Amino acid sequence: MLTFIFCLFSTKKLVEGFLDGITKYATTVTVDTTSPTQFNFDFLDIDSLKFTSSGGIDAGYEGSGTQIVLDNFTYNSKTVPEPTTILGLLTVTSFGIALSRKQK
């Protein structure tokens, strides 16, 4: 997962990756308040992602907040074959083996 993160107020961001509600990854990053910062997270086999703001350095802007901006967020996913697809492949393979043995 690759993204640019930008914020105006709190510079510390906790990024967590979950699988079935269980935390698999937790990384705290420091974000620049003047320009976007690029991060690459090697979170594998997750089904949800959470960004949480906390503390950090006062950027000198009036006000406060926990907002963040994500830009150019990219991720890779892998497709998981359906059980019927696997069953179909096994069936076709079995017929192929049976036919090749019958011809011998």
PDB file of N, CA and C in Angstrom:
ATOM      1  N   MET A   1       0.858  -1.160   0.000  1.00  0.00           N
ATOM      2  CA  MET A   1       0.000   0.000   0.000  1.00  0.00           C
ATOM      3  C   MET A   1       0.907   1.226   0.000  1.00  0.00           C
ATOM      4  N   LEU A   2       0.629   2.132  -0.899  1.00  0.00           N
ATOM      5  CA  LEU A   2       1.437   3.337  -1.042  1.00  0.00           C
ATOM      6  C   LEU A   2       0.507   4.534  -1.001  1.00  0.00           C
ATOM      7  N   THR A   3       0.865   5.554  -0.219  1.00  0.00           N
ATOM      8  CA  THR A   3       0.017   6.741  -0.149  1.00  0.00           C
ATOM      9  C   THR A   3       0.839   7.952   0.260  1.00  0.00           C
ATOM     10  N   PHE A   4       0.319   9.125  -0.071  1.00  0.00           N
ATOM     11  CA  PHE A   4       0.842  10.382   0.449  1.00  0.00           C
ATOM     12  C   PHE A   4      -0.102  10.832   1.553  1.00  0.00           C
ATOM     13  N   ILE A   5       0.440  11.243   2.693  1.00  0.00           N
ATOM     14  CA  ILE A   5      -0.372  11.707   3.817  1.00  0.00           C
ATOM     15  C   ILE A   5       0.013  13.144   4.133  1.00  0.00           C
ATOM     16  N   PHE A   6      -0.994  13.977   4.380  1.00  0.00           N
ATOM     17  CA  PHE A   6      -0.787  15.379   4.717  1.00  0.00           C
ATOM     18  C   PHE A   6      -1.760  15.746   5.833  1.00  0.00           C
ATOM     19  N   CYS A   7      -1.342  16.606   6.747  1.00  0.00           N
ATOM     20  CA  CYS A   7      -2.224  17.069   7.823  1.00  0.00           C
ATOM     21  C   CYS A   7      -1.822  18.485   8.221  1.00  0.00           C
ATOM     22  N   LEU A   8      -2.730  19.186   8.882  1.00  0.00           N
ATOM     23  CA  LEU A   8      -2.429  20.541   9.340  1.00  0.00           C
ATOM     24  C   LEU A   8      -2.132  20.615  10.830  1.00  0.00           C
ATOM     25  N   PHE A   9      -2.668  19.713  11.614  1.00  0.00           N
ATOM     26  CA  PHE A   9      -2.574  19.872  13.064  1.00  0.00           C
ATOM     27  C   PHE A   9      -1.730  18.788  13.728  1.00  0.00           C
ATOM     28  N   SER A  10      -2.256  17.633  13.978  1.00  0.00           N
ATOM     29  CA  SER A  10      -1.478  16.611  14.680  1.00  0.00           C
ATOM     30  C   SER A  10      -0.636  15.831  13.676  1.00  0.00           C
ATOM     31  N   THR A  11       0.635  15.680  13.971  1.00  0.00           N
ATOM     32  CA  THR A  11       1.561  15.097  13.010  1.00  0.00           C
ATOM     33  C   THR A  11       1.802  13.607  13.206  1.00  0.00           C
ATOM     34  N   LYS A  12       1.373  13.048  14.312  1.00  0.00           N
ATOM     35  CA  LYS A  12       1.549  11.616  14.551  1.00  0.00           C
ATOM     36  C   LYS A  12       0.323  10.874  14.049  1.00  0.00           C
ATOM     37  N   LYS A  13       0.528   9.832  13.254  1.00  0.00           N
ATOM     38  CA  LYS A  13      -0.559   9.020  12.717  1.00  0.00           C
ATOM     39  C   LYS A  13      -0.278   7.553  13.010  1.00  0.00           C
ATOM     40  N   LEU A  14      -1.264   6.914  13.604  1.00  0.00           N
ATOM     41  CA  LEU A  14      -1.188   5.475  13.815  1.00  0.00           C
ATOM     42  C   LEU A  14      -1.930   4.821  12.658  1.00  0.00           C
ATOM     43  N   VAL A  15      -1.255   3.934  11.947  1.00  0.00           N
ATOM     44  CA  VAL A  15      -1.854   3.229  10.825  1.00  0.00           C
ATOM     45  C   VAL A  15      -1.920   1.753  11.212  1.00  0.00           C
ATOM     46  N   GLU A  16      -3.137   1.205  11.183  1.00  0.00           N
ATOM     47  CA  GLU A  16      -3.334  -0.180  11.602  1.00  0.00           C
ATOM     48  C   GLU A  16      -3.991  -0.981  10.485  1.00  0.00           C
ATOM     49  N   GLY A  17      -3.544  -2.208  10.324  1.00  0.00           N
ATOM     50  CA  GLY A  17      -4.145  -3.135   9.373  1.00  0.00           C
ATOM     51  C   GLY A  17      -4.751  -4.292  10.136  1.00  0.00           C
ATOM     52  N   PHE A  18      -5.984  -4.667   9.772  1.00  0.00           N
ATOM     53  CA  PHE A  18      -6.721  -5.710  10.491  1.00  0.00           C
ATOM     54  C   PHE A  18      -7.112  -6.854   9.558  1.00  0.00           C
ATOM     55  N   LEU A  19      -7.231  -8.021  10.134  1.00  0.00           N
ATOM     56  CA  LEU A  19      -7.800  -9.175   9.456  1.00  0.00           C
ATOM     57  C   LEU A  19      -8.814  -9.791  10.398  1.00  0.00           C
ATOM     58  N   ASP A  20     -10.061  -9.807   9.976  1.00  0.00           N
ATOM     59  CA  ASP A  20     -11.166 -10.336  10.790  1.00  0.00           C
ATOM     60  C   ASP A  20     -11.238  -9.657  12.156  1.00  0.00           C
ATOM     61  N   GLY A  21     -10.983  -8.336  12.182  1.00  0.00           N
ATOM     62  CA  GLY A  21     -11.088  -7.571  13.421  1.00  0.00           C
ATOM     63  C   GLY A  21      -9.887  -7.665  14.349  1.00  0.00           C
ATOM     64  N   ILE A  22      -8.885  -8.414  13.971  1.00  0.00           N
ATOM     65  CA  ILE A  22      -7.679  -8.585  14.802  1.00  0.00           C
ATOM     66  C   ILE A  22      -6.540  -7.782  14.174  1.00  0.00           C
ATOM     67  N   THR A  23      -5.854  -6.981  15.002  1.00  0.00           N
ATOM     68  CA  THR A  23      -4.748  -6.153  14.511  1.00  0.00           C
ATOM     69  C   THR A  23      -3.590  -7.036  14.069  1.00  0.00           C
ATOM     70  N   LYS A  24      -3.216  -6.908  12.781  1.00  0.00           N
ATOM     71  CA  LYS A  24      -2.044  -7.617  12.252  1.00  0.00           C
ATOM     72  C   LYS A  24      -0.827  -6.706  12.173  1.00  0.00           C
ATOM     73  N   TYR A  25      -1.082  -5.402  11.938  1.00  0.00           N
ATOM     74  CA  TYR A  25      -0.002  -4.433  11.780  1.00  0.00           C
ATOM     75  C   TYR A  25      -0.381  -3.155  12.502  1.00  0.00           C
ATOM     76  N   ALA A  26       0.600  -2.502  13.099  1.00  0.00           N
ATOM     77  CA  ALA A  26       0.399  -1.183  13.706  1.00  0.00           C
ATOM     78  C   ALA A  26       1.709  -0.411  13.568  1.00  0.00           C
ATOM     79  N   THR A  27       1.622   0.722  12.872  1.00  0.00           N
ATOM     80  CA  THR A  27       2.803   1.541  12.622  1.00  0.00           C
ATOM     81  C   THR A  27       2.462   2.998  12.881  1.00  0.00           C
ATOM     82  N   THR A  28       3.323   3.692  13.620  1.00  0.00           N
ATOM     83  CA  THR A  28       3.139   5.127  13.840  1.00  0.00           C
ATOM     84  C   THR A  28       4.097   5.868  12.921  1.00  0.00           C
ATOM     85  N   VAL A  29       3.556   6.848  12.196  1.00  0.00           N
ATOM     86  CA  VAL A  29       4.367   7.646  11.283  1.00  0.00           C
ATOM     87  C   VAL A  29       4.252   9.117  11.666  1.00  0.00           C
ATOM     88  N   THR A  30       5.272   9.890  11.334  1.00  0.00           N
ATOM     89  CA  THR A  30       5.264  11.334  11.544  1.00  0.00           C
ATOM     90  C   THR A  30       5.061  12.003  10.193  1.00  0.00           C
ATOM     91  N   VAL A  31       4.034  12.838  10.124  1.00  0.00           N
ATOM     92  CA  VAL A  31       3.632  13.463   8.876  1.00  0.00           C
ATOM     93  C   VAL A  31       4.064  14.928   8.869  1.00  0.00           C
ATOM     94  N   ASP A  32       4.528  15.398   7.731  1.00  0.00           N
ATOM     95  CA  ASP A  32       4.909  16.796   7.560  1.00  0.00           C
ATOM     96  C   ASP A  32       3.645  17.649   7.446  1.00  0.00           C
ATOM     97  N   THR A  33       3.665  18.838   8.044  1.00  0.00           N
ATOM     98  CA  THR A  33       2.498  19.731   7.981  1.00  0.00           C
ATOM     99  C   THR A  33       2.620  20.766   6.872  1.00  0.00           C
ATOM    100  N   THR A  34       3.709  20.752   6.141  1.00  0.00           N
ATOM    101  CA  THR A  34       3.874  21.740   5.064  1.00  0.00           C
ATOM    102  C   THR A  34       3.776  21.127   3.669  1.00  0.00           C
ATOM    103  N   SER A  35       3.964  19.823   3.563  1.00  0.00           N
ATOM    104  CA  SER A  35       3.856  19.161   2.264  1.00  0.00           C
ATOM    105  C   SER A  35       3.532  17.683   2.487  1.00  0.00           C
ATOM    106  N   PRO A  36       2.944  17.041   1.491  1.00  0.00           N
ATOM    107  CA  PRO A  36       2.607  15.626   1.627  1.00  0.00           C
ATOM    108  C   PRO A  36       3.860  14.766   1.826  1.00  0.00           C
ATOM    109  N   THR A  37       3.715  13.721   2.612  1.00  0.00           N
ATOM    110  CA  THR A  37       4.801  12.790   2.875  1.00  0.00           C
ATOM    111  C   THR A  37       4.399  11.433   2.321  1.00  0.00           C
ATOM    112  N   GLN A  38       5.296  10.803   1.564  1.00  0.00           N
ATOM    113  CA  GLN A  38       4.978   9.507   0.974  1.00  0.00           C
ATOM    114  C   GLN A  38       5.347   8.380   1.928  1.00  0.00           C
ATOM    115  N   PHE A  39       4.431   7.423   2.067  1.00  0.00           N
ATOM    116  CA  PHE A  39       4.660   6.254   2.911  1.00  0.00           C
ATOM    117  C   PHE A  39       4.320   4.998   2.128  1.00  0.00           C
ATOM    118  N   ASN A  40       5.076   3.952   2.391  1.00  0.00           N
ATOM    119  CA  ASN A  40       4.801   2.639   1.817  1.00  0.00           C
ATOM    120  C   ASN A  40       4.625   1.669   2.981  1.00  0.00           C
ATOM    121  N   PHE A  41       3.442   1.107   3.099  1.00  0.00           N
ATOM    122  CA  PHE A  41       3.148   0.159   4.169  1.00  0.00           C
ATOM    123  C   PHE A  41       3.067  -1.236   3.563  1.00  0.00           C
ATOM    124  N   ASP A  42       3.856  -2.157   4.072  1.00  0.00           N
ATOM    125  CA  ASP A  42       3.832  -3.537   3.582  1.00  0.00           C
ATOM    126  C   ASP A  42       2.867  -4.364   4.425  1.00  0.00           C
ATOM    127  N   PHE A  43       1.607  -4.000   4.383  1.00  0.00           N
ATOM    128  CA  PHE A  43       0.576  -4.718   5.129  1.00  0.00           C
ATOM    129  C   PHE A  43       0.002  -5.787   4.200  1.00  0.00           C
ATOM    130  N   LEU A  44       0.197  -7.044   4.543  1.00  0.00           N
ATOM    131  CA  LEU A  44      -0.268  -8.148   3.712  1.00  0.00           C
ATOM    132  C   LEU A  44      -1.452  -8.850   4.368  1.00  0.00           C
ATOM    133  N   ASP A  45      -2.359  -9.349   3.539  1.00  0.00           N
ATOM    134  CA  ASP A  45      -3.509 -10.134   4.012  1.00  0.00           C
ATOM    135  C   ASP A  45      -4.316  -9.416   5.077  1.00  0.00           C
ATOM    136  N   ILE A  46      -4.781  -8.207   4.762  1.00  0.00           N
ATOM    137  CA  ILE A  46      -5.661  -7.472   5.672  1.00  0.00           C
ATOM    138  C   ILE A  46      -6.994  -7.227   4.973  1.00  0.00           C
ATOM    139  N   ASP A  47      -8.036  -7.022   5.782  1.00  0.00           N
ATOM    140  CA  ASP A  47      -9.341  -6.728   5.191  1.00  0.00           C
ATOM    141  C   ASP A  47      -9.880  -5.361   5.603  1.00  0.00           C
ATOM    142  N   SER A  48      -9.143  -4.652   6.493  1.00  0.00           N
ATOM    143  CA  SER A  48      -9.524  -3.275   6.830  1.00  0.00           C
ATOM    144  C   SER A  48      -8.297  -2.500   7.291  1.00  0.00           C
ATOM    145  N   LEU A  49      -8.442  -1.187   7.200  1.00  0.00           N
ATOM    146  CA  LEU A  49      -7.339  -0.281   7.479  1.00  0.00           C
ATOM    147  C   LEU A  49      -7.869   0.890   8.288  1.00  0.00           C
ATOM    148  N   LYS A  50      -7.088   1.361   9.270  1.00  0.00           N
ATOM    149  CA  LYS A  50      -7.540   2.461  10.127  1.00  0.00           C
ATOM    150  C   LYS A  50      -6.395   3.454  10.322  1.00  0.00           C
ATOM    151  N   PHE A  51      -6.732   4.742  10.165  1.00  0.00           N
ATOM    152  CA  PHE A  51      -5.783   5.828  10.414  1.00  0.00           C
ATOM    153  C   PHE A  51      -6.262   6.591  11.645  1.00  0.00           C
ATOM    154  N   THR A  52      -5.389   6.792  12.634  1.00  0.00           N
ATOM    155  CA  THR A  52      -5.740   7.510  13.849  1.00  0.00           C
ATOM    156  C   THR A  52      -4.714   8.612  14.094  1.00  0.00           C
ATOM    157  N   SER A  53      -5.196   9.841  14.358  1.00  0.00           N
ATOM    158  CA  SER A  53      -4.311  10.973  14.634  1.00  0.00           C
ATOM    159  C   SER A  53      -4.075  11.092  16.132  1.00  0.00           C
ATOM    160  N   SER A  54      -2.870  11.521  16.492  1.00  0.00           N
ATOM    161  CA  SER A  54      -2.582  11.771  17.910  1.00  0.00           C
ATOM    162  C   SER A  54      -1.406  12.724  18.034  1.00  0.00           C
ATOM    163  N   GLY A  55      -1.494  13.621  18.957  1.00  0.00           N
ATOM    164  CA  GLY A  55      -0.397  14.498  19.351  1.00  0.00           C
ATOM    165  C   GLY A  55       0.536  14.932  18.254  1.00  0.00           C
ATOM    166  N   GLY A  56       1.800  14.861  18.549  1.00  0.00           N
ATOM    167  CA  GLY A  56       2.802  15.277  17.584  1.00  0.00           C
ATOM    168  C   GLY A  56       3.248  16.705  17.826  1.00  0.00           C
ATOM    169  N   ILE A  57       3.733  17.328  16.802  1.00  0.00           N
ATOM    170  CA  ILE A  57       4.304  18.667  16.884  1.00  0.00           C
ATOM    171  C   ILE A  57       3.248  19.698  16.501  1.00  0.00           C
ATOM    172  N   ASP A  58       3.163  20.782  17.252  1.00  0.00           N
ATOM    173  CA  ASP A  58       2.253  21.882  16.914  1.00  0.00           C
ATOM    174  C   ASP A  58       2.782  22.540  15.649  1.00  0.00           C
ATOM    175  N   ALA A  59       1.955  22.556  14.612  1.00  0.00           N
ATOM    176  CA  ALA A  59       2.391  23.085  13.320  1.00  0.00           C
ATOM    177  C   ALA A  59       2.277  24.598  13.232  1.00  0.00           C
ATOM    178  N   GLY A  60       1.728  25.249  14.258  1.00  0.00           N
ATOM    179  CA  GLY A  60       1.646  26.701  14.266  1.00  0.00           C
ATOM    180  C   GLY A  60       0.410  27.269  13.606  1.00  0.00           C
ATOM    181  N   TYR A  61      -0.528  26.434  13.240  1.00  0.00           N
ATOM    182  CA  TYR A  61      -1.769  26.922  12.654  1.00  0.00           C
ATOM    183  C   TYR A  61      -2.784  27.160  13.771  1.00  0.00           C
ATOM    184  N   GLU A  62      -3.687  28.099  13.558  1.00  0.00           N
ATOM    185  CA  GLU A  62      -4.736  28.331  14.545  1.00  0.00           C
ATOM    186  C   GLU A  62      -5.723  27.182  14.492  1.00  0.00           C
ATOM    187  N   GLY A  63      -6.192  26.772  15.653  1.00  0.00           N
ATOM    188  CA  GLY A  63      -7.180  25.706  15.710  1.00  0.00           C
ATOM    189  C   GLY A  63      -6.549  24.371  16.026  1.00  0.00           C
ATOM    190  N   SER A  64      -7.364  23.369  15.937  1.00  0.00           N
ATOM    191  CA  SER A  64      -6.887  22.016  16.187  1.00  0.00           C
ATOM    192  C   SER A  64      -7.755  21.055  15.396  1.00  0.00           C
ATOM    193  N   GLY A  65      -7.332  19.850  15.299  1.00  0.00           N
ATOM    194  CA  GLY A  65      -8.101  18.848  14.581  1.00  0.00           C
ATOM    195  C   GLY A  65      -7.309  17.587  14.377  1.00  0.00           C
ATOM    196  N   THR A  66      -8.007  16.575  13.929  1.00  0.00           N
ATOM    197  CA  THR A  66      -7.368  15.283  13.687  1.00  0.00           C
ATOM    198  C   THR A  66      -7.517  14.850  12.233  1.00  0.00           C
ATOM    199  N   GLN A  67      -7.860  15.796  11.360  1.00  0.00           N
ATOM    200  CA  GLN A  67      -8.068  15.463   9.958  1.00  0.00           C
ATOM    201  C   GLN A  67      -6.745  15.091   9.272  1.00  0.00           C
ATOM    202  N   ILE A  68      -6.871  14.242   8.287  1.00  0.00           N
ATOM    203  CA  ILE A  68      -5.723  13.913   7.444  1.00  0.00           C
ATOM    204  C   ILE A  68      -6.204  13.898   5.997  1.00  0.00           C
ATOM    205  N   VAL A  69      -5.260  14.042   5.098  1.00  0.00           N
ATOM    206  CA  VAL A  69      -5.554  13.970   3.670  1.00  0.00           C
ATOM    207  C   VAL A  69      -4.713  12.837   3.091  1.00  0.00           C
ATOM    208  N   LEU A  70      -5.366  11.933   2.362  1.00  0.00           N
ATOM    209  CA  LEU A  70      -4.665  10.865   1.655  1.00  0.00           C
ATOM    210  C   LEU A  70      -4.721  11.186   0.173  1.00  0.00           C
ATOM    211  N   ASP A  71      -3.609  11.016  -0.515  1.00  0.00           N
ATOM    212  CA  ASP A  71      -3.567  11.284  -1.943  1.00  0.00           C
ATOM    213  C   ASP A  71      -2.803  10.156  -2.618  1.00  0.00           C
ATOM    214  N   ASN A  72      -3.218   9.829  -3.826  1.00  0.00           N
ATOM    215  CA  ASN A  72      -2.570   8.768  -4.603  1.00  0.00           C
ATOM    216  C   ASN A  72      -2.481   7.471  -3.797  1.00  0.00           C
ATOM    217  N   PHE A  73      -3.570   7.124  -3.161  1.00  0.00           N
ATOM    218  CA  PHE A  73      -3.639   5.899  -2.357  1.00  0.00           C
ATOM    219  C   PHE A  73      -3.737   4.709  -3.303  1.00  0.00           C
ATOM    220  N   THR A  74      -2.754   3.832  -3.265  1.00  0.00           N
ATOM    221  CA  THR A  74      -2.773   2.647  -4.117  1.00  0.00           C
ATOM    222  C   THR A  74      -2.574   1.404  -3.268  1.00  0.00           C
ATOM    223  N   TYR A  75      -3.186   0.330  -3.697  1.00  0.00           N
ATOM    224  CA  TYR A  75      -3.011  -0.935  -3.012  1.00  0.00           C
ATOM    225  C   TYR A  75      -3.101  -2.066  -4.026  1.00  0.00           C
ATOM    226  N   ASN A  76      -2.560  -3.191  -3.662  1.00  0.00           N
ATOM    227  CA  ASN A  76      -2.627  -4.385  -4.498  1.00  0.00           C
ATOM    228  C   ASN A  76      -3.488  -5.407  -3.792  1.00  0.00           C
ATOM    229  N   SER A  77      -4.321  -6.062  -4.558  1.00  0.00           N
ATOM    230  CA  SER A  77      -5.128  -7.130  -3.978  1.00  0.00           C
ATOM    231  C   SER A  77      -4.956  -8.379  -4.811  1.00  0.00           C
ATOM    232  N   LYS A  78      -5.174  -9.488  -4.188  1.00  0.00           N
ATOM    233  CA  LYS A  78      -5.110 -10.740  -4.926  1.00  0.00           C
ATOM    234  C   LYS A  78      -6.498 -11.357  -4.923  1.00  0.00           C
ATOM    235  N   THR A  79      -6.823 -11.984  -6.024  1.00  0.00           N
ATOM    236  CA  THR A  79      -8.125 -12.620  -6.112  1.00  0.00           C
ATOM    237  C   THR A  79      -8.031 -14.030  -5.548  1.00  0.00           C
ATOM    238  N   VAL A  80      -9.036 -14.403  -4.830  1.00  0.00           N
ATOM    239  CA  VAL A  80      -9.109 -15.731  -4.243  1.00  0.00           C
ATOM    240  C   VAL A  80     -10.144 -16.512  -5.040  1.00  0.00           C
ATOM    241  N   PRO A  81      -9.765 -17.660  -5.587  1.00  0.00           N
ATOM    242  CA  PRO A  81     -10.733 -18.407  -6.383  1.00  0.00           C
ATOM    243  C   PRO A  81     -11.897 -18.901  -5.522  1.00  0.00           C
ATOM    244  N   GLU A  82     -13.067 -18.882  -6.128  1.00  0.00           N
ATOM    245  CA  GLU A  82     -14.254 -19.378  -5.446  1.00  0.00           C
ATOM    246  C   GLU A  82     -14.142 -20.892  -5.271  1.00  0.00           C
ATOM    247  N   PRO A  83     -14.734 -21.435  -4.221  1.00  0.00           N
ATOM    248  CA  PRO A  83     -14.682 -22.894  -4.017  1.00  0.00           C
ATOM    249  C   PRO A  83     -15.229 -23.669  -5.216  1.00  0.00           C
ATOM    250  N   THR A  84     -16.250 -23.142  -5.885  1.00  0.00           N
ATOM    251  CA  THR A  84     -16.801 -23.850  -7.048  1.00  0.00           C
ATOM    252  C   THR A  84     -15.798 -23.888  -8.193  1.00  0.00           C
ATOM    253  N   THR A  85     -14.961 -22.864  -8.316  1.00  0.00           N
ATOM    254  CA  THR A  85     -13.927 -22.851  -9.353  1.00  0.00           C
ATOM    255  C   THR A  85     -12.904 -23.951  -9.083  1.00  0.00           C
ATOM    256  N   ILE A  86     -12.491 -24.070  -7.843  1.00  0.00           N
ATOM    257  CA  ILE A  86     -11.523 -25.113  -7.472  1.00  0.00           C
ATOM    258  C   ILE A  86     -12.127 -26.488  -7.712  1.00  0.00           C
ATOM    259  N   LEU A  87     -13.388 -26.678  -7.310  1.00  0.00           N
ATOM    260  CA  LEU A  87     -14.066 -27.954  -7.513  1.00  0.00           C
ATOM    261  C   LEU A  87     -14.178 -28.268  -9.004  1.00  0.00           C
ATOM    262  N   GLY A  88     -14.484 -27.260  -9.810  1.00  0.00           N
ATOM    263  CA  GLY A  88     -14.581 -27.455 -11.257  1.00  0.00           C
ATOM    264  C   GLY A  88     -13.256 -27.877 -11.857  1.00  0.00           C
ATOM    265  N   LEU A  89     -12.174 -27.251 -11.431  1.00  0.00           N
ATOM    266  CA  LEU A  89     -10.848 -27.613 -11.944  1.00  0.00           C
ATOM    267  C   LEU A  89     -10.478 -29.043 -11.561  1.00  0.00           C
ATOM    268  N   LEU A  90     -10.797 -29.432 -10.329  1.00  0.00           N
ATOM    269  CA  LEU A  90     -10.506 -30.807  -9.892  1.00  0.00           C
ATOM    270  C   LEU A  90     -11.315 -31.810 -10.706  1.00  0.00           C
ATOM    271  N   THR A  91     -12.573 -31.475 -10.987  1.00  0.00           N
ATOM    272  CA  THR A  91     -13.431 -32.369 -11.763  1.00  0.00           C
ATOM    273  C   THR A  91     -12.898 -32.542 -13.177  1.00  0.00           C
ATOM    274  N   VAL A  92     -12.542 -31.433 -13.845  1.00  0.00           N
ATOM    275  CA  VAL A  92     -12.010 -31.500 -15.200  1.00  0.00           C
ATOM    276  C   VAL A  92     -10.704 -32.288 -15.227  1.00  0.00           C
ATOM    277  N   THR A  93      -9.845 -32.078 -14.250  1.00  0.00           N
ATOM    278  CA  THR A  93      -8.575 -32.804 -14.161  1.00  0.00           C
ATOM    279  C   THR A  93      -8.824 -34.298 -13.989  1.00  0.00           C
ATOM    280  N   SER A  94      -9.783 -34.651 -13.150  1.00  0.00           N
ATOM    281  CA  SER A  94     -10.107 -36.066 -12.918  1.00  0.00           C
ATOM    282  C   SER A  94     -10.602 -36.727 -14.193  1.00  0.00           C
ATOM    283  N   PHE A  95     -11.482 -36.036 -14.941  1.00  0.00           N
ATOM    284  CA  PHE A  95     -11.960 -36.584 -16.215  1.00  0.00           C
ATOM    285  C   PHE A  95     -10.809 -36.755 -17.202  1.00  0.00           C
ATOM    286  N   GLY A  96      -9.905 -35.795 -17.223  1.00  0.00           N
ATOM    287  CA  GLY A  96      -8.760 -35.883 -18.125  1.00  0.00           C
ATOM    288  C   GLY A  96      -7.874 -37.073 -17.799  1.00  0.00           C
ATOM    289  N   ILE A  97      -7.620 -37.304 -16.541  1.00  0.00           N
ATOM    290  CA  ILE A  97      -6.794 -38.451 -16.119  1.00  0.00           C
ATOM    291  C   ILE A  97      -7.494 -39.755 -16.456  1.00  0.00           C
ATOM    292  N   ALA A  98      -8.808 -39.803 -16.196  1.00  0.00           N
ATOM    293  CA  ALA A  98      -9.586 -41.024 -16.481  1.00  0.00           C
ATOM    294  C   ALA A  98      -9.582 -41.332 -17.979  1.00  0.00           C
ATOM    295  N   LEU A  99      -9.744 -40.303 -18.814  1.00  0.00           N
ATOM    296  CA  LEU A  99      -9.738 -40.522 -20.259  1.00  0.00           C
ATOM    297  C   LEU A  99      -8.377 -40.959 -20.762  1.00  0.00           C
ATOM    298  N   SER A 100      -7.303 -40.377 -20.217  1.00  0.00           N
ATOM    299  CA  SER A 100      -5.967 -40.751 -20.671  1.00  0.00           C
ATOM    300  C   SER A 100      -5.643 -42.189 -20.273  1.00  0.00           C
ATOM    301  N   ARG A 101      -6.114 -42.656 -19.147  1.00  0.00           N
ATOM    302  CA  ARG A 101      -5.885 -44.035 -18.722  1.00  0.00           C
ATOM    303  C   ARG A 101      -6.710 -45.006 -19.562  1.00  0.00           C
ATOM    304  N   LYS A 102      -7.906 -44.591 -19.944  1.00  0.00           N
ATOM    305  CA  LYS A 102      -8.798 -45.431 -20.730  1.00  0.00           C
ATOM    306  C   LYS A 102      -8.229 -45.643 -22.137  1.00  0.00           C
ATOM    307  N   GLN A 103      -7.542 -44.651 -22.691  1.00  0.00           N
ATOM    308  CA  GLN A 103      -6.989 -44.749 -24.036  1.00  0.00           C
ATOM    309  C   GLN A 103      -5.769 -45.648 -24.087  1.00  0.00           C
ATOM    310  N   LYS A 104      -5.115 -45.881 -22.965  1.00  0.00           N
ATOM    311  CA  LYS A 104      -3.895 -46.703 -22.940  1.00  0.00           C
ATOM    312  C   LYS A 104      -4.224 -48.130 -22.990  1.00  0.00           C
TER     313      LYS A 104
END
